[in-house]
N, C-alpha and C. Protein backbone atom coordinates (compact mmCIF):
# COMPACT_ATOMS: atom_id res chain seq x y z
N UNK A 1 0.71 -1.23 -0.01
CA UNK A 1 0.08 0.05 0.00
C UNK A 1 0.89 1.20 0.15
N UNK A 2 0.43 2.19 -0.82
CA UNK A 2 1.19 3.40 -0.87
C UNK A 2 0.33 4.60 -0.24
N UNK A 3 1.08 5.57 0.36
CA UNK A 3 0.27 6.78 0.93
C UNK A 3 0.17 7.86 -0.34
N UNK A 4 -0.67 8.89 0.17
CA UNK A 4 -0.86 9.86 -0.78
C UNK A 4 0.39 10.60 -1.20
N UNK A 5 1.48 10.41 -0.36
CA UNK A 5 2.81 11.11 -0.63
C UNK A 5 3.75 10.20 -1.19
N UNK A 6 3.06 9.22 -1.91
CA UNK A 6 3.84 8.17 -2.59
C UNK A 6 4.93 7.47 -1.96
N UNK A 7 4.60 7.17 -0.55
CA UNK A 7 5.66 6.43 0.38
C UNK A 7 4.75 5.14 0.86
N UNK A 8 5.45 4.03 1.07
CA UNK A 8 5.06 2.88 1.47
C UNK A 8 4.43 3.02 2.95
N UNK A 9 3.22 2.43 3.18
CA UNK A 9 2.55 2.37 4.42
C UNK A 9 2.86 1.16 5.10
N UNK A 10 3.15 1.28 6.55
CA UNK A 10 3.53 0.07 7.13
C UNK A 10 2.22 -0.65 7.76
N UNK A 11 2.31 -1.69 7.10
CA UNK A 11 1.06 -2.59 7.41
C UNK A 11 1.25 -3.55 8.70
N UNK A 12 0.49 -3.31 9.82
CA UNK A 12 0.59 -4.13 10.98
C UNK A 12 -0.14 -5.47 11.03
N UNK A 13 -0.99 -5.66 10.11
CA UNK A 13 -1.82 -6.76 9.92
C UNK A 13 -3.22 -6.78 9.36
N UNK A 14 -4.12 -7.75 9.55
CA UNK A 14 -5.40 -7.67 9.18
C UNK A 14 -6.25 -8.03 10.22
N UNK A 15 -7.63 -7.58 10.16
CA UNK A 15 -8.65 -7.75 11.27
C UNK A 15 -9.93 -7.95 10.53
N UNK A 16 -10.77 -8.68 11.03
CA UNK A 16 -12.10 -8.95 10.46
C UNK A 16 -13.16 -8.09 11.13
N UNK A 17 -13.92 -7.45 10.77
CA UNK A 17 -15.00 -6.64 11.32
C UNK A 17 -16.27 -6.55 10.77
N UNK A 18 -17.39 -6.10 11.49
CA UNK A 18 -18.84 -6.06 10.96
C UNK A 18 -18.98 -4.56 10.93
N UNK A 19 -19.38 -4.05 9.58
CA UNK A 19 -20.06 -2.45 9.60
C UNK A 19 -21.43 -2.70 9.53
N UNK A 20 -21.94 -1.96 10.34
CA UNK A 20 -23.33 -1.80 10.70
C UNK A 20 -23.87 -0.50 9.81
N UNK A 21 -24.66 -0.68 8.86
CA UNK A 21 -25.11 0.29 8.18
C UNK A 21 -26.45 0.37 8.15
N UNK A 22 -27.15 1.24 9.32
CA UNK A 22 -28.57 1.13 9.60
C UNK A 22 -29.25 -0.35 9.67
N UNK A 23 -28.48 -1.03 10.45
CA UNK A 23 -28.94 -2.43 10.79
C UNK A 23 -28.57 -3.42 9.68
N UNK A 24 -27.90 -3.07 8.56
CA UNK A 24 -27.47 -3.96 7.70
C UNK A 24 -25.98 -4.24 7.96
N UNK A 25 -25.83 -5.39 8.15
CA UNK A 25 -24.52 -5.99 8.78
C UNK A 25 -23.66 -6.49 7.65
N UNK A 26 -22.38 -5.77 7.51
CA UNK A 26 -21.50 -6.05 6.30
C UNK A 26 -20.23 -6.65 6.95
N UNK A 27 -19.91 -7.90 6.67
CA UNK A 27 -18.59 -8.42 7.26
C UNK A 27 -17.41 -8.37 6.22
N UNK A 28 -16.17 -7.82 6.78
CA UNK A 28 -15.26 -7.56 5.83
C UNK A 28 -13.91 -7.60 6.62
N UNK A 29 -12.78 -7.88 5.87
CA UNK A 29 -11.59 -7.95 6.43
C UNK A 29 -10.77 -6.73 6.02
N UNK A 30 -10.29 -6.03 7.25
CA UNK A 30 -9.60 -4.64 6.97
C UNK A 30 -8.30 -5.03 7.15
N UNK A 31 -7.38 -4.19 6.51
CA UNK A 31 -5.85 -3.94 6.62
C UNK A 31 -5.74 -2.81 7.66
N UNK A 32 -4.68 -3.19 8.64
CA UNK A 32 -4.37 -2.14 9.68
C UNK A 32 -3.16 -1.56 9.51
N UNK A 33 -3.09 -0.41 9.45
CA UNK A 33 -1.96 0.34 8.88
C UNK A 33 -1.46 1.43 9.99
N UNK A 34 -0.30 1.50 10.13
CA UNK A 34 0.31 2.35 11.25
C UNK A 34 0.20 3.87 10.96
N UNK A 35 -0.03 4.74 11.73
CA UNK A 35 0.13 6.08 11.67
C UNK A 35 -0.89 6.56 10.34
N UNK A 36 -2.08 6.18 10.56
CA UNK A 36 -3.02 6.56 9.58
C UNK A 36 -3.78 7.94 10.16
N UNK A 37 -4.32 8.64 9.47
CA UNK A 37 -5.04 9.99 10.00
C UNK A 37 -6.42 9.66 10.37
N UNK A 38 -7.04 8.73 9.82
CA UNK A 38 -8.49 8.29 10.21
C UNK A 38 -8.63 6.98 10.76
N UNK A 39 -9.61 6.56 11.81
CA UNK A 39 -9.73 5.41 12.34
C UNK A 39 -10.09 4.33 11.20
N UNK A 40 -10.93 4.67 10.17
CA UNK A 40 -11.31 3.68 9.14
C UNK A 40 -11.43 4.50 7.90
N UNK A 41 -10.99 3.83 6.91
CA UNK A 41 -10.94 4.38 5.63
C UNK A 41 -11.72 3.34 4.75
N UNK A 42 -12.71 3.71 4.15
CA UNK A 42 -13.54 2.57 3.42
C UNK A 42 -13.21 2.82 1.97
N UNK A 43 -12.62 1.75 1.30
CA UNK A 43 -12.26 2.03 -0.17
C UNK A 43 -13.06 1.44 -1.08
N UNK A 44 -12.69 1.44 -2.35
CA UNK A 44 -13.38 0.99 -3.45
C UNK A 44 -13.55 -0.65 -3.37
N UNK A 45 -12.65 -1.24 -2.66
CA UNK A 45 -12.84 -2.78 -2.45
C UNK A 45 -13.93 -3.06 -1.71
N UNK A 46 -14.08 -2.30 -0.44
CA UNK A 46 -15.12 -2.59 0.30
C UNK A 46 -16.48 -2.30 -0.35
N UNK A 47 -16.58 -1.01 -0.89
CA UNK A 47 -17.85 -0.67 -1.63
C UNK A 47 -18.33 -1.56 -2.55
N UNK A 48 -17.38 -2.29 -3.34
CA UNK A 48 -17.74 -3.04 -4.32
C UNK A 48 -18.27 -4.42 -3.74
N UNK A 49 -17.60 -4.88 -2.68
CA UNK A 49 -18.06 -6.09 -1.91
C UNK A 49 -19.27 -6.02 -1.24
N UNK A 50 -19.56 -4.78 -0.75
CA UNK A 50 -20.97 -4.36 -0.09
C UNK A 50 -22.04 -4.14 -1.09
N UNK A 51 -21.80 -3.99 -2.31
CA UNK A 51 -22.73 -3.74 -3.34
C UNK A 51 -23.24 -2.35 -3.26
N UNK A 52 -22.33 -1.33 -2.86
CA UNK A 52 -22.74 0.02 -2.83
C UNK A 52 -22.63 0.76 -4.08
N UNK A 53 -23.55 1.71 -4.21
CA UNK A 53 -23.56 2.59 -5.34
C UNK A 53 -23.52 3.94 -4.75
N UNK A 54 -22.54 4.87 -5.10
CA UNK A 54 -22.35 6.11 -4.73
C UNK A 54 -22.88 7.05 -5.93
N UNK A 55 -23.94 7.70 -5.36
CA UNK A 55 -24.83 8.74 -6.35
C UNK A 55 -24.37 10.14 -5.99
N UNK A 56 -23.25 10.72 -6.49
CA UNK A 56 -22.79 11.99 -6.28
C UNK A 56 -23.70 13.03 -6.58
N UNK A 57 -24.44 12.92 -7.69
CA UNK A 57 -25.37 13.96 -8.33
C UNK A 57 -26.61 14.15 -7.25
N UNK A 58 -27.10 13.20 -6.68
CA UNK A 58 -28.15 13.09 -5.65
C UNK A 58 -27.58 13.07 -4.30
N UNK A 59 -26.46 13.07 -3.89
CA UNK A 59 -25.97 12.89 -2.48
C UNK A 59 -26.18 11.83 -1.71
N UNK A 60 -26.23 10.57 -2.32
CA UNK A 60 -26.86 9.45 -1.42
C UNK A 60 -25.67 8.35 -1.78
N UNK A 61 -25.49 7.26 -0.90
CA UNK A 61 -24.90 5.91 -1.12
C UNK A 61 -25.83 4.79 -0.81
N UNK A 62 -26.15 3.72 -1.61
CA UNK A 62 -26.99 2.97 -1.10
C UNK A 62 -26.20 1.47 -1.02
N UNK A 63 -26.61 0.68 -0.37
CA UNK A 63 -26.02 -0.51 -0.10
C UNK A 63 -27.18 -1.69 -0.47
N UNK A 64 -26.55 -2.98 -0.81
CA UNK A 64 -27.42 -4.21 -1.10
C UNK A 64 -28.60 -3.83 -1.71
N UNK A 65 -28.48 -3.55 -3.17
CA UNK A 65 -29.59 -3.29 -4.02
C UNK A 65 -30.57 -2.26 -3.30
N UNK A 66 -30.16 -1.21 -2.93
CA UNK A 66 -30.93 -0.18 -2.17
C UNK A 66 -31.66 -0.47 -0.96
N UNK A 67 -31.17 -1.69 -0.39
CA UNK A 67 -31.92 -2.04 0.86
C UNK A 67 -31.49 -0.65 2.01
N UNK A 68 -30.38 -0.23 1.82
CA UNK A 68 -29.97 0.81 2.79
C UNK A 68 -29.46 1.98 1.93
N UNK A 69 -30.02 3.21 2.35
CA UNK A 69 -29.52 4.31 1.64
C UNK A 69 -29.24 5.28 2.78
N UNK A 70 -27.91 6.04 2.51
CA UNK A 70 -27.38 7.08 3.45
C UNK A 70 -27.10 8.27 2.68
N UNK A 71 -27.23 9.45 3.15
CA UNK A 71 -26.82 10.71 2.62
C UNK A 71 -25.40 10.76 2.66
N UNK A 72 -24.70 11.42 1.51
CA UNK A 72 -23.23 11.76 1.75
C UNK A 72 -23.23 13.26 2.35
N UNK A 73 -22.19 13.37 3.17
CA UNK A 73 -22.06 14.62 3.91
C UNK A 73 -20.83 15.06 3.16
N UNK A 74 -20.74 16.20 2.46
CA UNK A 74 -19.60 16.64 2.02
C UNK A 74 -19.41 18.24 2.18
N UNK A 75 -18.96 18.65 3.31
CA UNK A 75 -18.75 20.04 3.78
C UNK A 75 -17.47 20.63 2.99
N UNK A 76 -16.62 19.93 2.62
CA UNK A 76 -15.42 20.59 1.89
C UNK A 76 -15.25 19.77 0.62
N UNK A 77 -16.30 19.22 0.04
CA UNK A 77 -15.89 18.57 -1.32
C UNK A 77 -15.41 19.16 -2.37
N UNK A 78 -15.63 20.69 -2.48
CA UNK A 78 -14.96 21.22 -3.48
C UNK A 78 -13.56 21.50 -3.29
N UNK A 79 -13.17 21.62 -2.08
CA UNK A 79 -11.67 21.91 -1.78
C UNK A 79 -10.92 20.56 -1.68
N UNK A 80 -11.55 19.51 -1.12
CA UNK A 80 -10.81 18.11 -0.97
C UNK A 80 -11.19 17.01 -1.74
N UNK A 81 -12.32 16.80 -2.28
CA UNK A 81 -12.99 15.81 -2.78
C UNK A 81 -13.20 14.69 -1.79
N UNK A 82 -13.18 15.08 -0.46
CA UNK A 82 -13.49 13.95 0.57
C UNK A 82 -14.96 13.95 1.02
N UNK A 83 -15.57 12.76 0.95
CA UNK A 83 -17.08 12.80 1.49
C UNK A 83 -16.98 11.80 2.62
N UNK A 84 -17.76 11.99 3.64
CA UNK A 84 -18.14 11.26 4.77
C UNK A 84 -19.48 10.66 4.80
N UNK A 85 -19.86 9.59 5.55
CA UNK A 85 -21.16 9.11 5.58
C UNK A 85 -21.38 8.97 6.95
N UNK A 86 -22.38 9.46 7.52
CA UNK A 86 -22.73 9.27 8.84
C UNK A 86 -23.50 7.91 9.12
N UNK A 87 -23.73 7.49 10.48
CA UNK A 87 -24.49 6.30 10.66
C UNK A 87 -23.88 4.98 10.26
N UNK A 88 -22.77 4.85 10.18
CA UNK A 88 -22.01 3.66 9.84
C UNK A 88 -21.06 3.35 11.20
N UNK A 89 -21.22 2.10 11.84
CA UNK A 89 -20.52 1.82 12.99
C UNK A 89 -19.57 0.47 12.66
N UNK A 90 -18.43 0.61 13.31
CA UNK A 90 -17.44 -0.40 12.93
C UNK A 90 -17.40 -1.20 14.32
N UNK A 91 -17.24 -2.65 14.20
CA UNK A 91 -17.33 -3.43 15.24
C UNK A 91 -16.31 -4.47 15.10
N UNK A 92 -15.07 -4.48 15.67
CA UNK A 92 -14.09 -5.60 15.48
C UNK A 92 -14.63 -6.99 15.90
N UNK A 93 -14.37 -8.03 15.18
CA UNK A 93 -14.74 -9.40 15.57
C UNK A 93 -13.87 -10.02 16.37
């Protein structure tokens, strides 16, 4: 894995966790990285496995064939391109 500064990230290991998205439970194996600025970064690999569809035009992300739909929150989207989603909880197994 490479950081945004094009430097290798120090991988500490992997862990399995369950993501709770409005009572929809999604089990996934996460990579644990040393010195990362966020507790969890959900990438395209997770979104693909979870059947997520990100709708930037309307500001929503849906999971599992639209079983669950959450709003995207983008306070600084024009500056950073970073979007966050509320109401997702991570529980280590």
